[in-house]
Amino acid sequence: REAARAGADIVLLDNMSDEMLRAAVDAVREIAREVGRTVLTEAS
């Protein structure tokens, strides 16, 4: 959430379970809607 709000173009979701990935993606998308720009997510 902090990375998306700070202005990252991509947020790298590192070593997360599928459940945690889903929560992180939802959080990033929520911030992206608030700031009005696209923020991609990447799992690794």
Full PDB file with SEQRES, HELIX, SHEET, SSBOND, CRYST1, ORIGX, SCALE, CONECT and MASTER records, all heavy atoms in Angstrom:
SEQRES   1 A   44  ARG GLU ALA ALA ARG ALA GLY ALA ASP ILE VAL LEU LEU          
SEQRES   2 A   44  ASP ASN MET SER ASP GLU MET LEU ARG ALA ALA VAL ASP          
SEQRES   3 A   44  ALA VAL ARG GLU ILE ALA ARG GLU VAL GLY ARG THR VAL          
SEQRES   4 A   44  LEU THR GLU ALA SER                                          
HELIX    1 AA1 GLU A    2  ALA A    6  1                                   5    
HELIX    2 AA2 ASP A   18  VAL A   35  1                                  18    
SHEET    1 AA1 2 ILE A  10  LEU A  13  0                                        
SHEET    2 AA1 2 LEU A  40  ALA A  43  1                                        
CRYST1    1.000    1.000    1.000  90.00  90.00  90.00 P 1           1          
ORIGX1      1.000000  0.000000  0.000000        0.00000                         
ORIGX2      0.000000  1.000000  0.000000        0.00000                         
ORIGX3      0.000000  0.000000  1.000000        0.00000                         
SCALE1      1.000000  0.000000  0.000000        0.00000                         
SCALE2      0.000000  1.000000  0.000000        0.00000                         
SCALE3      0.000000  0.000000  1.000000        0.00000                         
ATOM      1  N   ARG A   1       0.829  -1.199   0.000  1.00  0.00           N  
ATOM      2  CA  ARG A   1       0.000   0.000   0.000  1.00  0.00           C  
ATOM      3  C   ARG A   1       0.870   1.258   0.000  1.00  0.00           C  
ATOM      4  O   ARG A   1       0.616   2.206  -0.754  1.00  0.00           O  
ATOM      5  CB  ARG A   1      -0.927  -0.025   1.227  1.00  0.00           C  
ATOM      6  CG  ARG A   1      -1.928   1.125   1.266  1.00  0.00           C  
ATOM      7  CD  ARG A   1      -2.833   1.048   2.472  1.00  0.00           C  
ATOM      8  NE  ARG A   1      -3.779  -0.073   2.371  1.00  0.00           N  
ATOM      9  CZ  ARG A   1      -3.731  -1.161   3.106  1.00  0.00           C  
ATOM     10  NH1 ARG A   1      -2.770  -1.316   4.022  1.00  0.00           N  
ATOM     11  NH2 ARG A   1      -4.632  -2.119   2.951  1.00  0.00           N  
ATOM     12  N   GLU A   2       1.930   1.249   0.804  1.00  0.00           N  
ATOM     13  CA  GLU A   2       2.817   2.415   0.861  1.00  0.00           C  
ATOM     14  C   GLU A   2       3.531   2.631  -0.469  1.00  0.00           C  
ATOM     15  O   GLU A   2       3.668   3.770  -0.937  1.00  0.00           O  
ATOM     16  CB  GLU A   2       3.854   2.259   1.976  1.00  0.00           C  
ATOM     17  CG  GLU A   2       4.787   3.464   2.095  1.00  0.00           C  
ATOM     18  CD  GLU A   2       5.855   3.299   3.156  1.00  0.00           C  
ATOM     19  OE1 GLU A   2       5.844   2.266   3.866  1.00  0.00           O  
ATOM     20  OE2 GLU A   2       6.715   4.201   3.268  1.00  0.00           O  
ATOM     21  N   ALA A   3       3.982   1.537  -1.095  1.00  0.00           N  
ATOM     22  CA  ALA A   3       4.691   1.655  -2.371  1.00  0.00           C  
ATOM     23  C   ALA A   3       3.788   2.253  -3.447  1.00  0.00           C  
ATOM     24  O   ALA A   3       4.213   3.112  -4.227  1.00  0.00           O  
ATOM     25  CB  ALA A   3       5.207   0.290  -2.807  1.00  0.00           C  
ATOM     26  N   ALA A   4       2.537   1.800  -3.500  1.00  0.00           N  
ATOM     27  CA  ALA A   4       1.599   2.323  -4.491  1.00  0.00           C  
ATOM     28  C   ALA A   4       1.316   3.798  -4.251  1.00  0.00           C  
ATOM     29  O   ALA A   4       1.291   4.609  -5.190  1.00  0.00           O  
ATOM     30  CB  ALA A   4       0.301   1.522  -4.443  1.00  0.00           C  
ATOM     31  N   ARG A   5       1.135   4.174  -2.982  1.00  0.00           N  
ATOM     32  CA  ARG A   5       0.842   5.571  -2.671  1.00  0.00           C  
ATOM     33  C   ARG A   5       2.056   6.472  -2.902  1.00  0.00           C  
ATOM     34  O   ARG A   5       1.919   7.636  -3.284  1.00  0.00           O  
ATOM     35  CB  ARG A   5       0.359   5.698  -1.224  1.00  0.00           C  
ATOM     36  CG  ARG A   5      -0.253   7.053  -0.909  1.00  0.00           C  
ATOM     37  CD  ARG A   5      -0.801   7.115   0.492  1.00  0.00           C  
ATOM     38  NE  ARG A   5      -1.917   6.208   0.698  1.00  0.00           N  
ATOM     39  CZ  ARG A   5      -3.164   6.439   0.291  1.00  0.00           C  
ATOM     40  NH1 ARG A   5      -3.437   7.548  -0.374  1.00  0.00           N  
ATOM     41  NH2 ARG A   5      -4.118   5.566   0.531  1.00  0.00           N  
ATOM     42  N   ALA A   6       3.251   5.909  -2.736  1.00  0.00           N  
ATOM     43  CA  ALA A   6       4.473   6.706  -2.896  1.00  0.00           C  
ATOM     44  C   ALA A   6       4.787   6.993  -4.358  1.00  0.00           C  
ATOM     45  O   ALA A   6       5.589   7.883  -4.648  1.00  0.00           O  
ATOM     46  CB  ALA A   6       5.648   5.979  -2.246  1.00  0.00           C  
ATOM     47  N   GLY A   7       4.179   6.242  -5.278  1.00  0.00           N  
ATOM     48  CA  GLY A   7       4.397   6.531  -6.693  1.00  0.00           C  
ATOM     49  C   GLY A   7       5.076   5.438  -7.477  1.00  0.00           C  
ATOM     50  O   GLY A   7       5.531   5.679  -8.606  1.00  0.00           O  
ATOM     51  N   ALA A   8       5.158   4.221  -6.940  1.00  0.00           N  
ATOM     52  CA  ALA A   8       5.762   3.118  -7.692  1.00  0.00           C  
ATOM     53  C   ALA A   8       4.908   2.785  -8.908  1.00  0.00           C  
ATOM     54  O   ALA A   8       3.676   2.863  -8.871  1.00  0.00           O  
ATOM     55  CB  ALA A   8       5.896   1.887  -6.803  1.00  0.00           C  
ATOM     56  N   ASP A   9       5.576   2.419  -9.990  1.00  0.00           N  
ATOM     57  CA  ASP A   9       4.858   1.963 -11.182  1.00  0.00           C  
ATOM     58  C   ASP A   9       4.448   0.497 -11.041  1.00  0.00           C  
ATOM     59  O   ASP A   9       3.404   0.092 -11.558  1.00  0.00           O  
ATOM     60  CB  ASP A   9       5.750   2.105 -12.419  1.00  0.00           C  
ATOM     61  CG  ASP A   9       6.160   3.539 -12.678  1.00  0.00           C  
ATOM     62  OD1 ASP A   9       5.258   4.380 -12.865  1.00  0.00           O  
ATOM     63  OD2 ASP A   9       7.374   3.824 -12.687  1.00  0.00           O  
ATOM     64  N   ILE A  10       5.297  -0.279 -10.365  1.00  0.00           N  
ATOM     65  CA  ILE A  10       5.040  -1.703 -10.152  1.00  0.00           C  
ATOM     66  C   ILE A  10       5.355  -2.025  -8.699  1.00  0.00           C  
ATOM     67  O   ILE A  10       6.378  -1.560  -8.170  1.00  0.00           O  
ATOM     68  CB  ILE A  10       5.918  -2.582 -11.061  1.00  0.00           C  
ATOM     69  CG1 ILE A  10       5.781  -2.169 -12.524  1.00  0.00           C  
ATOM     70  CG2 ILE A  10       5.573  -4.061 -10.888  1.00  0.00           C  
ATOM     71  CD1 ILE A  10       6.805  -2.821 -13.438  1.00  0.00           C  
ATOM     72  N   VAL A  11       4.508  -2.801  -8.079  1.00  0.00           N  
ATOM     73  CA  VAL A  11       4.765  -3.268  -6.723  1.00  0.00           C  
ATOM     74  C   VAL A  11       5.085  -4.759  -6.800  1.00  0.00           C  
ATOM     75  O   VAL A  11       4.271  -5.561  -7.276  1.00  0.00           O  
ATOM     76  CB  VAL A  11       3.561  -3.024  -5.792  1.00  0.00           C  
ATOM     77  CG1 VAL A  11       3.880  -3.523  -4.381  1.00  0.00           C  
ATOM     78  CG2 VAL A  11       3.195  -1.545  -5.765  1.00  0.00           C  
ATOM     79  N   LEU A  12       6.286  -5.108  -6.336  1.00  0.00           N  
ATOM     80  CA  LEU A  12       6.741  -6.499  -6.349  1.00  0.00           C  
ATOM     81  C   LEU A  12       6.318  -7.170  -5.052  1.00  0.00           C  
ATOM     82  O   LEU A  12       6.824  -6.847  -3.974  1.00  0.00           O  
ATOM     83  CB  LEU A  12       8.260  -6.550  -6.506  1.00  0.00           C  
ATOM     84  CG  LEU A  12       8.902  -7.934  -6.500  1.00  0.00           C  
ATOM     85  CD1 LEU A  12       8.430  -8.754  -7.688  1.00  0.00           C  
ATOM     86  CD2 LEU A  12      10.424  -7.817  -6.503  1.00  0.00           C  
ATOM     87  N   LEU A  13       5.398  -8.106  -5.151  1.00  0.00           N  
ATOM     88  CA  LEU A  13       4.863  -8.802  -3.986  1.00  0.00           C  
ATOM     89  C   LEU A  13       5.707 -10.038  -3.748  1.00  0.00           C  
ATOM     90  O   LEU A  13       5.592 -11.036  -4.468  1.00  0.00           O  
ATOM     91  CB  LEU A  13       3.391  -9.148  -4.228  1.00  0.00           C  
ATOM     92  CG  LEU A  13       2.524  -7.954  -4.682  1.00  0.00           C  
ATOM     93  CD1 LEU A  13       1.118  -8.420  -5.041  1.00  0.00           C  
ATOM     94  CD2 LEU A  13       2.492  -6.864  -3.610  1.00  0.00           C  
ATOM     95  N   ASP A  14       6.572  -9.986  -2.752  1.00  0.00           N  
ATOM     96  CA  ASP A  14       7.616 -10.986  -2.583  1.00  0.00           C  
ATOM     97  C   ASP A  14       7.262 -12.018  -1.518  1.00  0.00           C  
ATOM     98  O   ASP A  14       6.882 -11.666  -0.393  1.00  0.00           O  
ATOM     99  CB  ASP A  14       8.929 -10.287  -2.198  1.00  0.00           C  
ATOM    100  CG  ASP A  14      10.112 -11.227  -2.242  1.00  0.00           C  
ATOM    101  OD1 ASP A  14      10.235 -11.984  -3.222  1.00  0.00           O  
ATOM    102  OD2 ASP A  14      10.920 -11.208  -1.293  1.00  0.00           O  
ATOM    103  N   ASN A  15       7.380 -13.292  -1.890  1.00  0.00           N  
ATOM    104  CA  ASN A  15       7.206 -14.399  -0.953  1.00  0.00           C  
ATOM    105  C   ASN A  15       5.872 -14.354  -0.215  1.00  0.00           C  
ATOM    106  O   ASN A  15       5.814 -14.516   1.004  1.00  0.00           O  
ATOM    107  CB  ASN A  15       8.362 -14.420   0.059  1.00  0.00           C  
ATOM    108  CG  ASN A  15       9.651 -14.916  -0.569  1.00  0.00           C  
ATOM    109  OD1 ASN A  15       9.707 -16.010  -1.126  1.00  0.00           O  
ATOM    110  ND2 ASN A  15      10.686 -14.110  -0.486  1.00  0.00           N  
ATOM    111  N   MET A  16       4.788 -14.146  -0.953  1.00  0.00           N  
ATOM    112  CA  MET A  16       3.464 -14.078  -0.351  1.00  0.00           C  
ATOM    113  C   MET A  16       2.648 -15.314  -0.726  1.00  0.00           C  
ATOM    114  O   MET A  16       2.793 -15.843  -1.832  1.00  0.00           O  
ATOM    115  CB  MET A  16       2.726 -12.821  -0.820  1.00  0.00           C  
ATOM    116  CG  MET A  16       3.328 -11.516  -0.336  1.00  0.00           C  
ATOM    117  SD  MET A  16       2.272 -10.098  -0.787  1.00  0.00           S  
ATOM    118  CE  MET A  16       3.221  -8.740  -0.103  1.00  0.00           C  
ATOM    119  N   SER A  17       1.786 -15.736   0.182  1.00  0.00           N  
ATOM    120  CA  SER A  17       0.837 -16.806  -0.121  1.00  0.00           C  
ATOM    121  C   SER A  17      -0.222 -16.263  -1.078  1.00  0.00           C  
ATOM    122  O   SER A  17      -0.332 -15.048  -1.295  1.00  0.00           O  
ATOM    123  CB  SER A  17       0.161 -17.282   1.167  1.00  0.00           C  
ATOM    124  OG  SER A  17      -0.632 -16.237   1.712  1.00  0.00           O  
ATOM    125  N   ASP A  18      -1.020 -17.162  -1.646  1.00  0.00           N  
ATOM    126  CA  ASP A  18      -2.072 -16.715  -2.555  1.00  0.00           C  
ATOM    127  C   ASP A  18      -3.058 -15.791  -1.851  1.00  0.00           C  
ATOM    128  O   ASP A  18      -3.523 -14.801  -2.430  1.00  0.00           O  
ATOM    129  CB  ASP A  18      -2.821 -17.934  -3.124  1.00  0.00           C  
ATOM    130  CG  ASP A  18      -1.966 -18.742  -4.082  1.00  0.00           C  
ATOM    131  OD1 ASP A  18      -0.839 -18.307  -4.393  1.00  0.00           O  
ATOM    132  OD2 ASP A  18      -2.427 -19.818  -4.518  1.00  0.00           O  
ATOM    133  N   GLU A  19      -3.377 -16.103  -0.602  1.00  0.00           N  
ATOM    134  CA  GLU A  19      -4.309 -15.254   0.152  1.00  0.00           C  
ATOM    135  C   GLU A  19      -3.733 -13.872   0.391  1.00  0.00           C  
ATOM    136  O   GLU A  19      -4.428 -12.850   0.248  1.00  0.00           O  
ATOM    137  CB  GLU A  19      -4.651 -15.917   1.490  1.00  0.00           C  
ATOM    138  CG  GLU A  19      -5.437 -17.222   1.379  1.00  0.00           C  
ATOM    139  CD  GLU A  19      -4.593 -18.392   0.893  1.00  0.00           C  
ATOM    140  OE1 GLU A  19      -3.342 -18.319   1.008  1.00  0.00           O  
ATOM    141  OE2 GLU A  19      -5.182 -19.373   0.387  1.00  0.00           O  
ATOM    142  N   MET A  20      -2.451 -13.825   0.727  1.00  0.00           N  
ATOM    143  CA  MET A  20      -1.799 -12.542   0.959  1.00  0.00           C  
ATOM    144  C   MET A  20      -1.660 -11.760  -0.348  1.00  0.00           C  
ATOM    145  O   MET A  20      -1.802 -10.528  -0.368  1.00  0.00           O  
ATOM    146  CB  MET A  20      -0.433 -12.772   1.598  1.00  0.00           C  
ATOM    147  CG  MET A  20       0.205 -11.529   2.180  1.00  0.00           C  
ATOM    148  SD  MET A  20       1.714 -11.972   3.093  1.00  0.00           S  
ATOM    149  CE  MET A  20       2.252 -10.329   3.609  1.00  0.00           C  
ATOM    150  N   LEU A  21      -1.392 -12.488  -1.447  1.00  0.00           N  
ATOM    151  CA  LEU A  21      -1.328 -11.822  -2.752  1.00  0.00           C  
ATOM    152  C   LEU A  21      -2.648 -11.145  -3.074  1.00  0.00           C  
ATOM    153  O   LEU A  21      -2.673 -10.000  -3.543  1.00  0.00           O  
ATOM    154  CB  LEU A  21      -0.995 -12.845  -3.845  1.00  0.00           C  
ATOM    155  CG  LEU A  21       0.444 -13.320  -3.970  1.00  0.00           C  
ATOM    156  CD1 LEU A  21       0.539 -14.432  -5.007  1.00  0.00           C  
ATOM    157  CD2 LEU A  21       1.378 -12.173  -4.351  1.00  0.00           C  
ATOM    158  N   ARG A  22      -3.743 -11.833  -2.828  1.00  0.00           N  
ATOM    159  CA  ARG A  22      -5.057 -11.282  -3.135  1.00  0.00           C  
ATOM    160  C   ARG A  22      -5.311 -10.007  -2.331  1.00  0.00           C  
ATOM    161  O   ARG A  22      -5.795  -9.000  -2.867  1.00  0.00           O  
ATOM    162  CB  ARG A  22      -6.142 -12.321  -2.838  1.00  0.00           C  
ATOM    163  CG  ARG A  22      -7.523 -11.931  -3.319  1.00  0.00           C  
ATOM    164  CD  ARG A  22      -8.516 -13.062  -3.141  1.00  0.00           C  
ATOM    165  NE  ARG A  22      -8.161 -14.227  -3.961  1.00  0.00           N  
ATOM    166  CZ  ARG A  22      -7.652 -15.355  -3.483  1.00  0.00           C  
ATOM    167  NH1 ARG A  22      -7.437 -15.489  -2.176  1.00  0.00           N  
ATOM    168  NH2 ARG A  22      -7.362 -16.357  -4.281  1.00  0.00           N  
ATOM    169  N   ALA A  23      -4.940 -10.027  -1.060  1.00  0.00           N  
ATOM    170  CA  ALA A  23      -5.131  -8.839  -0.218  1.00  0.00           C  
ATOM    171  C   ALA A  23      -4.242  -7.690  -0.687  1.00  0.00           C  
ATOM    172  O   ALA A  23      -4.669  -6.530  -0.708  1.00  0.00           O  
ATOM    173  CB  ALA A  23      -4.837  -9.184   1.239  1.00  0.00           C  
ATOM    174  N   ALA A  24      -3.009  -8.007  -1.068  1.00  0.00           N  
ATOM    175  CA  ALA A  24      -2.085  -6.972  -1.520  1.00  0.00           C  
ATOM    176  C   ALA A  24      -2.539  -6.369  -2.843  1.00  0.00           C  
ATOM    177  O   ALA A  24      -2.459  -5.147  -3.049  1.00  0.00           O  
ATOM    178  CB  ALA A  24      -0.674  -7.547  -1.651  1.00  0.00           C  
ATOM    179  N   VAL A  25      -3.004  -7.206  -3.765  1.00  0.00           N  
ATOM    180  CA  VAL A  25      -3.506  -6.707  -5.047  1.00  0.00           C  
ATOM    181  C   VAL A  25      -4.699  -5.783  -4.826  1.00  0.00           C  
ATOM    182  O   VAL A  25      -4.794  -4.701  -5.433  1.00  0.00           O  
ATOM    183  CB  VAL A  25      -3.889  -7.882  -5.972  1.00  0.00           C  
ATOM    184  CG1 VAL A  25      -4.682  -7.380  -7.180  1.00  0.00           C  
ATOM    185  CG2 VAL A  25      -2.640  -8.619  -6.428  1.00  0.00           C  
ATOM    186  N   ASP A  26      -5.621  -6.182  -3.961  1.00  0.00           N  
ATOM    187  CA  ASP A  26      -6.780  -5.334  -3.663  1.00  0.00           C  
ATOM    188  C   ASP A  26      -6.341  -3.992  -3.092  1.00  0.00           C  
ATOM    189  O   ASP A  26      -6.892  -2.938  -3.454  1.00  0.00           O  
ATOM    190  CB  ASP A  26      -7.710  -6.043  -2.680  1.00  0.00           C  
ATOM    191  CG  ASP A  26      -8.437  -7.237  -3.303  1.00  0.00           C  
ATOM    192  OD1 ASP A  26      -8.458  -7.325  -4.547  1.00  0.00           O  
ATOM    193  OD2 ASP A  26      -8.962  -8.070  -2.538  1.00  0.00           O  
ATOM    194  N   ALA A  27      -5.350  -4.015  -2.207  1.00  0.00           N  
ATOM    195  CA  ALA A  27      -4.868  -2.776  -1.595  1.00  0.00           C  
ATOM    196  C   ALA A  27      -4.222  -1.861  -2.639  1.00  0.00           C  
ATOM    197  O   ALA A  27      -4.462  -0.650  -2.655  1.00  0.00           O  
ATOM    198  CB  ALA A  27      -3.867  -3.101  -0.480  1.00  0.00           C  
ATOM    199  N   VAL A  28      -3.396  -2.453  -3.511  1.00  0.00           N  
ATOM    200  CA  VAL A  28      -2.734  -1.653  -4.547  1.00  0.00           C  
ATOM    201  C   VAL A  28      -3.756  -1.062  -5.503  1.00  0.00           C  
ATOM    202  O   VAL A  28      -3.656   0.120  -5.891  1.00  0.00           O  
ATOM    203  CB  VAL A  28      -1.701  -2.517  -5.307  1.00  0.00           C  
ATOM    204  CG1 VAL A  28      -1.200  -1.797  -6.556  1.00  0.00           C  
ATOM    205  CG2 VAL A  28      -0.534  -2.863  -4.397  1.00  0.00           C  
ATOM    206  N   ARG A  29      -4.731  -1.834  -5.890  1.00  0.00           N  
ATOM    207  CA  ARG A  29      -5.758  -1.324  -6.809  1.00  0.00           C  
ATOM    208  C   ARG A  29      -6.596  -0.224  -6.173  1.00  0.00           C  
ATOM    209  O   ARG A  29      -6.997   0.739  -6.836  1.00  0.00           O  
ATOM    210  CB  ARG A  29      -6.652  -2.473  -7.274  1.00  0.00           C  
ATOM    211  CG  ARG A  29      -5.949  -3.406  -8.259  1.00  0.00           C  
ATOM    212  CD  ARG A  29      -6.832  -4.536  -8.720  1.00  0.00           C  
ATOM    213  NE  ARG A  29      -6.143  -5.348  -9.740  1.00  0.00           N  
ATOM    214  CZ  ARG A  29      -6.605  -6.496 -10.207  1.00  0.00           C  
ATOM    215  NH1 ARG A  29      -7.756  -6.984  -9.736  1.00  0.00           N  
ATOM    216  NH2 ARG A  29      -5.932  -7.165 -11.124  1.00  0.00           N  
ATOM    217  N   GLU A  30      -6.837  -0.362  -4.895  1.00  0.00           N  
ATOM    218  CA  GLU A  30      -7.581   0.692  -4.190  1.00  0.00           C  
ATOM    219  C   GLU A  30      -6.801   2.003  -4.203  1.00  0.00           C  
ATOM    220  O   GLU A  30      -7.368   3.074  -4.483  1.00  0.00           O  
ATOM    221  CB  GLU A  30      -7.853   0.256  -2.751  1.00  0.00           C  
ATOM    222  CG  GLU A  30      -8.621   1.290  -1.928  1.00  0.00           C  
ATOM    223  CD  GLU A  30      -8.817   0.843  -0.494  1.00  0.00           C  
ATOM    224  OE1 GLU A  30      -8.493  -0.311  -0.158  1.00  0.00           O  
ATOM    225  OE2 GLU A  30      -9.274   1.684   0.318  1.00  0.00           O  
ATOM    226  N   ILE A  31      -5.515   1.935  -3.922  1.00  0.00           N  
ATOM    227  CA  ILE A  31      -4.680   3.139  -3.947  1.00  0.00           C  
ATOM    228  C   ILE A  31      -4.609   3.688  -5.360  1.00  0.00           C  
ATOM    229  O   ILE A  31      -4.669   4.918  -5.568  1.00  0.00           O  
ATOM    230  CB  ILE A  31      -3.257   2.824  -3.431  1.00  0.00           C  
ATOM    231  CG1 ILE A  31      -3.297   2.356  -1.982  1.00  0.00           C  
ATOM    232  CG2 ILE A  31      -2.350   4.042  -3.577  1.00  0.00           C  
ATOM    233  CD1 ILE A  31      -3.856   3.352  -1.002  1.00  0.00           C  
ATOM    234  N   ALA A  32      -4.466   2.818  -6.379  1.00  0.00           N  
ATOM    235  CA  ALA A  32      -4.377   3.269  -7.764  1.00  0.00           C  
ATOM    236  C   ALA A  32      -5.622   4.047  -8.166  1.00  0.00           C  
ATOM    237  O   ALA A  32      -5.542   5.066  -8.865  1.00  0.00           O  
ATOM    238  CB  ALA A  32      -4.168   2.075  -8.690  1.00  0.00           C  
ATOM    239  N   ARG A  33      -6.794   3.582  -7.722  1.00  0.00           N  
ATOM    240  CA  ARG A  33      -8.026   4.313  -8.023  1.00  0.00           C  
ATOM    241  C   ARG A  33      -8.034   5.666  -7.334  1.00  0.00           C  
ATOM    242  O   ARG A  33      -8.465   6.673  -7.916  1.00  0.00           O  
ATOM    243  CB  ARG A  33      -9.241   3.487  -7.587  1.00  0.00           C  
ATOM    244  CG  ARG A  33      -9.536   2.293  -8.498  1.00  0.00           C  
ATOM    245  CD  ARG A  33     -10.897   1.699  -8.186  1.00  0.00           C  
ATOM    246  NE  ARG A  33     -10.940   1.136  -6.827  1.00  0.00           N  
ATOM    247  CZ  ARG A  33     -10.650  -0.131  -6.545  1.00  0.00           C  
ATOM    248  NH1 ARG A  33     -10.273  -0.958  -7.514  1.00  0.00           N  
ATOM    249  NH2 ARG A  33     -10.742  -0.565  -5.310  1.00  0.00           N  
ATOM    250  N   GLU A  34      -7.541   5.716  -6.117  1.00  0.00           N  
ATOM    251  CA  GLU A  34      -7.519   6.979  -5.373  1.00  0.00           C  
ATOM    252  C   GLU A  34      -6.624   8.019  -6.039  1.00  0.00           C  
ATOM    253  O   GLU A  34      -6.984   9.200  -6.127  1.00  0.00           O  
ATOM    254  CB  GLU A  34      -7.019   6.737  -3.946  1.00  0.00           C  
ATOM    255  CG  GLU A  34      -7.988   5.993  -3.053  1.00  0.00           C  
ATOM    256  CD  GLU A  34      -7.415   5.774  -1.663  1.00  0.00           C  
ATOM    257  OE1 GLU A  34      -6.365   6.392  -1.358  1.00  0.00           O  
ATOM    258  OE2 GLU A  34      -7.991   4.994  -0.896  1.00  0.00           O  
ATOM    259  N   VAL A  35      -5.453   7.574  -6.506  1.00  0.00           N  
ATOM    260  CA  VAL A  35      -4.486   8.524  -7.079  1.00  0.00           C  
ATOM    261  C   VAL A  35      -4.681   8.704  -8.577  1.00  0.00           C  
ATOM    262  O   VAL A  35      -4.043   9.580  -9.180  1.00  0.00           O  
ATOM    263  CB  VAL A  35      -3.041   8.079  -6.777  1.00  0.00           C  
ATOM    264  CG1 VAL A  35      -2.804   8.022  -5.269  1.00  0.00           C  
ATOM    265  CG2 VAL A  35      -2.722   6.726  -7.418  1.00  0.00           C  
ATOM    266  N   GLY A  36      -5.539   7.892  -9.183  1.00  0.00           N  
ATOM    267  CA  GLY A  36      -5.863   8.073 -10.589  1.00  0.00           C  
ATOM    268  C   GLY A  36      -4.771   7.661 -11.559  1.00  0.00           C  
ATOM    269  O   GLY A  36      -4.580   8.336 -12.582  1.00  0.00           O  
ATOM    270  N   ARG A  37      -4.076   6.575 -11.280  1.00  0.00           N  
ATOM    271  CA  ARG A  37      -3.052   6.091 -12.228  1.00  0.00           C  
ATOM    272  C   ARG A  37      -2.951   4.570 -12.111  1.00  0.00           C  
ATOM    273  O   ARG A  37      -3.446   3.968 -11.154  1.00  0.00           O  
ATOM    274  CB  ARG A  37      -1.692   6.744 -11.956  1.00  0.00           C  
ATOM    275  CG  ARG A  37      -1.132   6.486 -10.583  1.00  0.00           C  
ATOM    276  CD  ARG A  37       0.195   7.217 -10.373  1.00  0.00           C  
ATOM    277  NE  ARG A  37       0.734   6.937  -9.053  1.00  0.00           N  
ATOM    278  CZ  ARG A  37       1.422   5.844  -8.743  1.00  0.00           C  
ATOM    279  NH1 ARG A  37       1.670   4.948  -9.698  1.00  0.00           N  
ATOM    280  NH2 ARG A  37       1.866   5.646  -7.526  1.00  0.00           N  
ATOM    281  N   THR A  38      -2.274   3.985 -13.076  1.00  0.00           N  
ATOM    282  CA  THR A  38      -2.116   2.535 -13.109  1.00  0.00           C  
ATOM    283  C   THR A  38      -0.906   2.108 -12.277  1.00  0.00           C  
ATOM    284  O   THR A  38       0.175   2.687 -12.414  1.00  0.00           O  
ATOM    285  CB  THR A  38      -1.928   2.041 -14.559  1.00  0.00           C  
ATOM    286  OG1 THR A  38      -3.089   2.382 -15.322  1.00  0.00           O  
ATOM    287  CG2 THR A  38      -1.718   0.532 -14.590  1.00  0.00           C  
ATOM    288  N   VAL A  39      -1.107   1.135 -11.415  1.00  0.00           N  
ATOM    289  CA  VAL A  39      -0.010   0.527 -10.660  1.00  0.00           C  
ATOM    290  C   VAL A  39      -0.117  -0.986 -10.860  1.00  0.00           C  
ATOM    291  O   VAL A  39      -1.114  -1.600 -10.488  1.00  0.00           O  
ATOM    292  CB  VAL A  39      -0.088   0.868  -9.157  1.00  0.00           C  
ATOM    293  CG1 VAL A  39       1.135   0.286  -8.436  1.00  0.00           C  
ATOM    294  CG2 VAL A  39      -0.179   2.366  -8.936  1.00  0.00           C  
ATOM    295  N   LEU A  40       0.906  -1.562 -11.450  1.00  0.00           N  
ATOM    296  CA  LEU A  40       0.902  -2.998 -11.699  1.00  0.00           C  
ATOM    297  C   LEU A  40       1.402  -3.770 -10.485  1.00  0.00           C  
ATOM    298  O   LEU A  40       2.137  -3.222  -9.658  1.00  0.00           O  
ATOM    299  CB  LEU A  40       1.783  -3.330 -12.910  1.00  0.00           C  
ATOM    300  CG  LEU A  40       1.370  -2.735 -14.248  1.00  0.00           C  
ATOM    301  CD1 LEU A  40       2.388  -3.106 -15.317  1.00  0.00           C  
ATOM    302  CD2 LEU A  40      -0.032  -3.181 -14.642  1.00  0.00           C  
ATOM    303  N   THR A  41       1.029  -5.025 -10.411  1.00  0.00           N  
ATOM    304  CA  THR A  41       1.524  -5.897  -9.351  1.00  0.00           C  
ATOM    305  C   THR A  41       2.274  -7.072  -9.969  1.00  0.00           C  
ATOM    306  O   THR A  41       1.917  -7.568 -11.039  1.00  0.00           O  
ATOM    307  CB  THR A  41       0.377  -6.428  -8.475  1.00  0.00           C  
ATOM    308  OG1 THR A  41      -0.610  -7.054  -9.301  1.00  0.00           O  
ATOM    309  CG2 THR A  41      -0.261  -5.290  -7.684  1.00  0.00           C  
ATOM    310  N   GLU A  42       3.314  -7.503  -9.265  1.00  0.00           N  
ATOM    311  CA  GLU A  42       4.139  -8.616  -9.729  1.00  0.00           C  
ATOM    312  C   GLU A  42       4.435  -9.542  -8.563  1.00  0.00           C  
ATOM    313  O   GLU A  42       4.835  -9.090  -7.490  1.00  0.00           O  
ATOM    314  CB  GLU A  42       5.448  -8.083 -10.316  1.00  0.00           C  
ATOM    315  CG  GLU A  42       6.421  -9.159 -10.766  1.00  0.00           C  
ATOM    316  CD  GLU A  42       7.723  -8.570 -11.267  1.00  0.00           C  
ATOM    317  OE1 GLU A  42       7.718  -7.457 -11.838  1.00  0.00           O  
ATOM    318  OE2 GLU A  42       8.773  -9.231 -11.070  1.00  0.00           O  
ATOM    319  N   ALA A  43       4.211 -10.825  -8.763  1.00  0.00           N  
ATOM    320  CA  ALA A  43       4.514 -11.819  -7.737  1.00  0.00           C  
ATOM    321  C   ALA A  43       5.870 -12.448  -8.019  1.00  0.00           C  
ATOM    322  O   ALA A  43       6.225 -12.710  -9.167  1.00  0.00           O  
ATOM    323  CB  ALA A  43       3.437 -12.898  -7.704  1.00  0.00           C  
ATOM    324  N   SER A  44       6.629 -12.682  -6.958  1.00  0.00           N  
ATOM    325  CA  SER A  44       7.941 -13.307  -7.100  1.00  0.00           C  
ATOM    326  C   SER A  44       8.297 -13.988  -5.792  1.00  0.00           C  
ATOM    327  O   SER A  44       7.801 -13.624  -4.727  1.00  0.00           O  
ATOM    328  CB  SER A  44       9.001 -12.259  -7.465  1.00  0.00           C  
ATOM    329  OG  SER A  44      10.240 -12.868  -7.725  1.00  0.00           O  
TER     330      SER A  44                                                      
MASTER        0    0    0    2    2    0    0    6  329    1    0    4          
END                                                                             
